[in-house]
Amino acid sequence: SSLQAHAGLGMVYLQEGDYASAISLLER
């Protein structure tokens, strides 16, 4: 339930162009 880890990993995916995974993690 780490907010920082979900948001951070979402931002990594965003930088890598994996928008679906990024949005999923950022929604979480």
PDB file of all heavy atoms in Angstrom:
ATOM      1  N   SER A   1       0.814  -1.216   0.000  1.00  0.00           N
ATOM      2  CA  SER A   1       0.000   0.000   0.000  1.00  0.00           C
ATOM      3  C   SER A   1       0.847   1.265   0.000  1.00  0.00           C
ATOM      4  O   SER A   1       0.388   2.320   0.421  1.00  0.00           O
ATOM      5  CB  SER A   1      -0.939   0.006   1.214  1.00  0.00           C
ATOM      6  OG  SER A   1      -1.861  -1.044   1.106  1.00  0.00           O
ATOM      7  N   SER A   2       2.062   1.163  -0.484  1.00  0.00           N
ATOM      8  CA  SER A   2       2.943   2.337  -0.507  1.00  0.00           C
ATOM      9  C   SER A   2       2.534   3.302  -1.614  1.00  0.00           C
ATOM     10  O   SER A   2       2.688   3.015  -2.803  1.00  0.00           O
ATOM     11  CB  SER A   2       4.400   1.898  -0.721  1.00  0.00           C
ATOM     12  OG  SER A   2       5.212   3.026  -0.947  1.00  0.00           O
ATOM     13  N   LEU A   3       2.010   4.435  -1.212  1.00  0.00           N
ATOM     14  CA  LEU A   3       1.633   5.484  -2.157  1.00  0.00           C
ATOM     15  C   LEU A   3       2.836   5.890  -3.003  1.00  0.00           C
ATOM     16  O   LEU A   3       2.751   5.997  -4.232  1.00  0.00           O
ATOM     17  CB  LEU A   3       1.098   6.696  -1.388  1.00  0.00           C
ATOM     18  CG  LEU A   3       0.972   8.013  -2.147  1.00  0.00           C
ATOM     19  CD1 LEU A   3      -0.057   7.890  -3.252  1.00  0.00           C
ATOM     20  CD2 LEU A   3       0.630   9.136  -1.202  1.00  0.00           C
ATOM     21  N   GLN A   4       3.985   6.100  -2.351  1.00  0.00           N
ATOM     22  CA  GLN A   4       5.179   6.562  -3.048  1.00  0.00           C
ATOM     23  C   GLN A   4       5.652   5.544  -4.089  1.00  0.00           C
ATOM     24  O   GLN A   4       6.064   5.924  -5.189  1.00  0.00           O
ATOM     25  CB  GLN A   4       6.309   6.844  -2.050  1.00  0.00           C
ATOM     26  CG  GLN A   4       6.009   7.964  -1.091  1.00  0.00           C
ATOM     27  CD  GLN A   4       5.242   7.506   0.149  1.00  0.00           C
ATOM     28  OE1 GLN A   4       4.785   6.366   0.251  1.00  0.00           O
ATOM     29  NE2 GLN A   4       5.079   8.403   1.093  1.00  0.00           N
ATOM     30  N   ALA A   5       5.593   4.268  -3.751  1.00  0.00           N
ATOM     31  CA  ALA A   5       6.047   3.237  -4.682  1.00  0.00           C
ATOM     32  C   ALA A   5       5.099   3.101  -5.874  1.00  0.00           C
ATOM     33  O   ALA A   5       5.548   2.959  -7.015  1.00  0.00           O
ATOM     34  CB  ALA A   5       6.218   1.903  -3.962  1.00  0.00           C
ATOM     35  N   HIS A   6       3.792   3.158  -5.631  1.00  0.00           N
ATOM     36  CA  HIS A   6       2.835   3.095  -6.746  1.00  0.00           C
ATOM     37  C   HIS A   6       3.014   4.291  -7.679  1.00  0.00           C
ATOM     38  O   HIS A   6       3.097   4.132  -8.902  1.00  0.00           O
ATOM     39  CB  HIS A   6       1.391   3.050  -6.229  1.00  0.00           C
ATOM     40  CG  HIS A   6       0.951   1.705  -5.794  1.00  0.00           C
ATOM     41  ND1 HIS A   6       1.088   1.261  -4.504  1.00  0.00           N
ATOM     42  CD2 HIS A   6       0.396   0.688  -6.489  1.00  0.00           C
ATOM     43  CE1 HIS A   6       0.617   0.030  -4.420  1.00  0.00           C
ATOM     44  NE2 HIS A   6       0.195  -0.353  -5.608  1.00  0.00           N
ATOM     45  N   ALA A   7       3.062   5.490  -7.099  1.00  0.00           N
ATOM     46  CA  ALA A   7       3.199   6.694  -7.914  1.00  0.00           C
ATOM     47  C   ALA A   7       4.538   6.701  -8.648  1.00  0.00           C
ATOM     48  O   ALA A   7       4.603   7.025  -9.838  1.00  0.00           O
ATOM     49  CB  ALA A   7       3.055   7.942  -7.046  1.00  0.00           C
ATOM     50  N   GLY A   8       5.590   6.333  -7.946  1.00  0.00           N
ATOM     51  CA  GLY A   8       6.912   6.330  -8.563  1.00  0.00           C
ATOM     52  C   GLY A   8       7.019   5.341  -9.712  1.00  0.00           C
ATOM     53  O   GLY A   8       7.531   5.672 -10.790  1.00  0.00           O
ATOM     54  N   LEU A   9       6.539   4.118  -9.492  1.00  0.00           N
ATOM     55  CA  LEU A   9       6.582   3.120 -10.556  1.00  0.00           C
ATOM     56  C   LEU A   9       5.696   3.552 -11.725  1.00  0.00           C
ATOM     57  O   LEU A   9       6.050   3.366 -12.891  1.00  0.00           O
ATOM     58  CB  LEU A   9       6.170   1.744 -10.027  1.00  0.00           C
ATOM     59  CG  LEU A   9       6.328   0.575 -10.996  1.00  0.00           C
ATOM     60  CD1 LEU A   9       7.755   0.463 -11.530  1.00  0.00           C
ATOM     61  CD2 LEU A   9       5.904  -0.732 -10.304  1.00  0.00           C
ATOM     62  N   GLY A  10       4.578   4.188 -11.411  1.00  0.00           N
ATOM     63  CA  GLY A  10       3.721   4.726 -12.467  1.00  0.00           C
ATOM     64  C   GLY A  10       4.459   5.757 -13.311  1.00  0.00           C
ATOM     65  O   GLY A  10       4.358   5.757 -14.544  1.00  0.00           O
ATOM     66  N   MET A  11       5.234   6.606 -12.663  1.00  0.00           N
ATOM     67  CA  MET A  11       5.999   7.613 -13.402  1.00  0.00           C
ATOM     68  C   MET A  11       7.115   6.977 -14.237  1.00  0.00           C
ATOM     69  O   MET A  11       7.422   7.457 -15.326  1.00  0.00           O
ATOM     70  CB  MET A  11       6.559   8.665 -12.443  1.00  0.00           C
ATOM     71  CG  MET A  11       5.475   9.517 -11.766  1.00  0.00           C
ATOM     72  SD  MET A  11       4.336  10.329 -12.915  1.00  0.00           S
ATOM     73  CE  MET A  11       5.428  11.551 -13.640  1.00  0.00           C
ATOM     74  N   VAL A  12       7.702   5.892 -13.737  1.00  0.00           N
ATOM     75  CA  VAL A  12       8.701   5.163 -14.525  1.00  0.00           C
ATOM     76  C   VAL A  12       8.041   4.638 -15.797  1.00  0.00           C
ATOM     77  O   VAL A  12       8.561   4.819 -16.908  1.00  0.00           O
ATOM     78  CB  VAL A  12       9.341   4.009 -13.723  1.00  0.00           C
ATOM     79  CG1 VAL A  12      10.131   3.072 -14.633  1.00  0.00           C
ATOM     80  CG2 VAL A  12      10.227   4.538 -12.604  1.00  0.00           C
ATOM     81  N   TYR A  13       6.885   3.976 -15.648  1.00  0.00           N
ATOM     82  CA  TYR A  13       6.190   3.444 -16.820  1.00  0.00           C
ATOM     83  C   TYR A  13       5.813   4.560 -17.792  1.00  0.00           C
ATOM     84  O   TYR A  13       5.863   4.384 -19.003  1.00  0.00           O
ATOM     85  CB  TYR A  13       4.948   2.655 -16.412  1.00  0.00           C
ATOM     86  CG  TYR A  13       5.244   1.298 -15.842  1.00  0.00           C
ATOM     87  CD1 TYR A  13       4.516   0.798 -14.768  1.00  0.00           C
ATOM     88  CD2 TYR A  13       6.244   0.482 -16.365  1.00  0.00           C
ATOM     89  CE1 TYR A  13       4.773  -0.463 -14.239  1.00  0.00           C
ATOM     90  CE2 TYR A  13       6.512  -0.766 -15.848  1.00  0.00           C
ATOM     91  CZ  TYR A  13       5.775  -1.240 -14.782  1.00  0.00           C
ATOM     92  OH  TYR A  13       6.039  -2.478 -14.271  1.00  0.00           O
ATOM     93  N   LEU A  14       5.445   5.695 -17.243  1.00  0.00           N
ATOM     94  CA  LEU A  14       5.104   6.833 -18.095  1.00  0.00           C
ATOM     95  C   LEU A  14       6.315   7.264 -18.917  1.00  0.00           C
ATOM     96  O   LEU A  14       6.198   7.500 -20.130  1.00  0.00           O
ATOM     97  CB  LEU A  14       4.618   7.988 -17.214  1.00  0.00           C
ATOM     98  CG  LEU A  14       3.872   9.104 -17.884  1.00  0.00           C
ATOM     99  CD1 LEU A  14       2.626   8.585 -18.586  1.00  0.00           C
ATOM    100  CD2 LEU A  14       3.491  10.154 -16.854  1.00  0.00           C
ATOM    101  N   GLN A  15       7.481   7.328 -18.303  1.00  0.00           N
ATOM    102  CA  GLN A  15       8.707   7.687 -19.020  1.00  0.00           C
ATOM    103  C   GLN A  15       9.054   6.660 -20.086  1.00  0.00           C
ATOM    104  O   GLN A  15       9.631   6.997 -21.113  1.00  0.00           O
ATOM    105  CB  GLN A  15       9.878   7.837 -18.042  1.00  0.00           C
ATOM    106  CG  GLN A  15       9.806   9.058 -17.178  1.00  0.00           C
ATOM    107  CD  GLN A  15       9.833  10.338 -17.989  1.00  0.00           C
ATOM    108  OE1 GLN A  15      10.589  10.489 -18.944  1.00  0.00           O
ATOM    109  NE2 GLN A  15       8.970  11.266 -17.627  1.00  0.00           N
ATOM    110  N   GLU A  16       8.699   5.407 -19.828  1.00  0.00           N
ATOM    111  CA  GLU A  16       8.998   4.334 -20.778  1.00  0.00           C
ATOM    112  C   GLU A  16       7.932   4.198 -21.857  1.00  0.00           C
ATOM    113  O   GLU A  16       8.060   3.363 -22.749  1.00  0.00           O
ATOM    114  CB  GLU A  16       9.172   3.016 -20.013  1.00  0.00           C
ATOM    115  CG  GLU A  16      10.403   3.020 -19.109  1.00  0.00           C
ATOM    116  CD  GLU A  16      10.542   1.770 -18.263  1.00  0.00           C
ATOM    117  OE1 GLU A  16       9.528   1.056 -18.057  1.00  0.00           O
ATOM    118  OE2 GLU A  16      11.666   1.508 -17.809  1.00  0.00           O
ATOM    119  N   GLY A  17       6.855   4.980 -21.759  1.00  0.00           N
ATOM    120  CA  GLY A  17       5.811   4.945 -22.775  1.00  0.00           C
ATOM    121  C   GLY A  17       4.748   3.883 -22.573  1.00  0.00           C
ATOM    122  O   GLY A  17       3.921   3.659 -23.447  1.00  0.00           O
ATOM    123  N   ASP A  18       4.754   3.209 -21.419  1.00  0.00           N
ATOM    124  CA  ASP A  18       3.739   2.197 -21.118  1.00  0.00           C
ATOM    125  C   ASP A  18       2.594   2.893 -20.379  1.00  0.00           C
ATOM    126  O   ASP A  18       2.482   2.840 -19.158  1.00  0.00           O
ATOM    127  CB  ASP A  18       4.350   1.078 -20.260  1.00  0.00           C
ATOM    128  CG  ASP A  18       3.375  -0.050 -19.968  1.00  0.00           C
ATOM    129  OD1 ASP A  18       2.168   0.083 -20.277  1.00  0.00           O
ATOM    130  OD2 ASP A  18       3.820  -1.075 -19.404  1.00  0.00           O
ATOM    131  N   TYR A  19       1.760   3.591 -21.154  1.00  0.00           N
ATOM    132  CA  TYR A  19       0.716   4.437 -20.574  1.00  0.00           C
ATOM    133  C   TYR A  19      -0.334   3.666 -19.796  1.00  0.00           C
ATOM    134  O   TYR A  19      -0.787   4.121 -18.741  1.00  0.00           O
ATOM    135  CB  TYR A  19       0.062   5.282 -21.666  1.00  0.00           C
ATOM    136  CG  TYR A  19       1.039   6.165 -22.393  1.00  0.00           C
ATOM    137  CD1 TYR A  19       1.037   6.237 -23.783  1.00  0.00           C
ATOM    138  CD2 TYR A  19       1.982   6.918 -21.704  1.00  0.00           C
ATOM    139  CE1 TYR A  19       1.941   7.047 -24.464  1.00  0.00           C
ATOM    140  CE2 TYR A  19       2.891   7.723 -22.367  1.00  0.00           C
ATOM    141  CZ  TYR A  19       2.866   7.783 -23.751  1.00  0.00           C
ATOM    142  OH  TYR A  19       3.769   8.576 -24.403  1.00  0.00           O
ATOM    143  N   ALA A  20      -0.725   2.503 -20.279  1.00  0.00           N
ATOM    144  CA  ALA A  20      -1.755   1.719 -19.582  1.00  0.00           C
ATOM    145  C   ALA A  20      -1.274   1.327 -18.187  1.00  0.00           C
ATOM    146  O   ALA A  20      -2.007   1.475 -17.202  1.00  0.00           O
ATOM    147  CB  ALA A  20      -2.129   0.481 -20.393  1.00  0.00           C
ATOM    148  N   SER A  21      -0.046   0.826 -18.087  1.00  0.00           N
ATOM    149  CA  SER A  21       0.494   0.443 -16.779  1.00  0.00           C
ATOM    150  C   SER A  21       0.675   1.665 -15.893  1.00  0.00           C
ATOM    151  O   SER A  21       0.408   1.618 -14.693  1.00  0.00           O
ATOM    152  CB  SER A  21       1.833  -0.284 -16.932  1.00  0.00           C
ATOM    153  OG  SER A  21       1.651  -1.502 -17.605  1.00  0.00           O
ATOM    154  N   ALA A  22       1.126   2.771 -16.490  1.00  0.00           N
ATOM    155  CA  ALA A  22       1.318   4.003 -15.726  1.00  0.00           C
ATOM    156  C   ALA A  22      -0.011   4.468 -15.137  1.00  0.00           C
ATOM    157  O   ALA A  22      -0.094   4.772 -13.938  1.00  0.00           O
ATOM    158  CB  ALA A  22       1.909   5.089 -16.614  1.00  0.00           C
ATOM    159  N   ILE A  23      -1.042   4.510 -15.952  1.00  0.00           N
ATOM    160  CA  ILE A  23      -2.355   4.976 -15.481  1.00  0.00           C
ATOM    161  C   ILE A  23      -2.881   4.050 -14.388  1.00  0.00           C
ATOM    162  O   ILE A  23      -3.393   4.516 -13.366  1.00  0.00           O
ATOM    163  CB  ILE A  23      -3.341   5.126 -16.657  1.00  0.00           C
ATOM    164  CG1 ILE A  23      -2.923   6.328 -17.507  1.00  0.00           C
ATOM    165  CG2 ILE A  23      -4.778   5.262 -16.161  1.00  0.00           C
ATOM    166  CD1 ILE A  23      -3.663   6.454 -18.823  1.00  0.00           C
ATOM    167  N   SER A  24      -2.740   2.767 -14.571  1.00  0.00           N
ATOM    168  CA  SER A  24      -3.204   1.813 -13.562  1.00  0.00           C
ATOM    169  C   SER A  24      -2.528   2.058 -12.211  1.00  0.00           C
ATOM    170  O   SER A  24      -3.183   2.103 -11.171  1.00  0.00           O
ATOM    171  CB  SER A  24      -2.937   0.382 -14.040  1.00  0.00           C
ATOM    172  OG  SER A  24      -3.286  -0.541 -13.052  1.00  0.00           O
ATOM    173  N   LEU A  25      -1.215   2.224 -12.234  1.00  0.00           N
ATOM    174  CA  LEU A  25      -0.481   2.464 -10.982  1.00  0.00           C
ATOM    175  C   LEU A  25      -0.817   3.826 -10.380  1.00  0.00           C
ATOM    176  O   LEU A  25      -0.930   3.972  -9.159  1.00  0.00           O
ATOM    177  CB  LEU A  25       1.020   2.332 -11.206  1.00  0.00           C
ATOM    178  CG  LEU A  25       1.500   0.891 -11.284  1.00  0.00           C
ATOM    179  CD1 LEU A  25       2.849   0.800 -11.975  1.00  0.00           C
ATOM    180  CD2 LEU A  25       1.562   0.280  -9.896  1.00  0.00           C
ATOM    181  N   LEU A  26      -0.964   4.830 -11.226  1.00  0.00           N
ATOM    182  CA  LEU A  26      -1.287   6.163 -10.725  1.00  0.00           C
ATOM    183  C   LEU A  26      -2.712   6.220 -10.174  1.00  0.00           C
ATOM    184  O   LEU A  26      -2.983   6.946  -9.212  1.00  0.00           O
ATOM    185  CB  LEU A  26      -1.043   7.215 -11.802  1.00  0.00           C
ATOM    186  CG  LEU A  26       0.438   7.390 -12.173  1.00  0.00           C
ATOM    187  CD1 LEU A  26       0.585   8.240 -13.427  1.00  0.00           C
ATOM    188  CD2 LEU A  26       1.226   7.978 -11.011  1.00  0.00           C
ATOM    189  N   GLU A  27      -3.615   5.441 -10.765  1.00  0.00           N
ATOM    190  CA  GLU A  27      -4.973   5.338 -10.195  1.00  0.00           C
ATOM    191  C   GLU A  27      -4.909   4.676  -8.827  1.00  0.00           C
ATOM    192  O   GLU A  27      -5.600   5.093  -7.892  1.00  0.00           O
ATOM    193  CB  GLU A  27      -5.887   4.541 -11.133  1.00  0.00           C
ATOM    194  CG  GLU A  27      -6.301   5.305 -12.355  1.00  0.00           C
ATOM    195  CD  GLU A  27      -7.056   4.448 -13.361  1.00  0.00           C
ATOM    196  OE1 GLU A  27      -6.894   3.204 -13.383  1.00  0.00           O
ATOM    197  OE2 GLU A  27      -7.805   5.047 -14.152  1.00  0.00           O
ATOM    198  N   ARG A  28      -4.095   3.643  -8.705  1.00  0.00           N
ATOM    199  CA  ARG A  28      -3.930   2.967  -7.406  1.00  0.00           C
ATOM    200  C   ARG A  28      -3.343   3.942  -6.396  1.00  0.00           C
ATOM    201  O   ARG A  28      -3.805   4.008  -5.257  1.00  0.00           O
ATOM    202  CB  ARG A  28      -3.037   1.734  -7.561  1.00  0.00           C
ATOM    203  CG  ARG A  28      -2.732   1.035  -6.272  1.00  0.00           C
ATOM    204  CD  ARG A  28      -3.960   0.365  -5.671  1.00  0.00           C
ATOM    205  NE  ARG A  28      -3.556  -0.346  -4.469  1.00  0.00           N
ATOM    206  CZ  ARG A  28      -4.157  -0.241  -3.296  1.00  0.00           C
ATOM    207  NH1 ARG A  28      -5.241   0.495  -3.161  1.00  0.00           N
ATOM    208  NH2 ARG A  28      -3.714  -0.898  -2.261  1.00  0.00           N
TER     209      ARG A  28
END
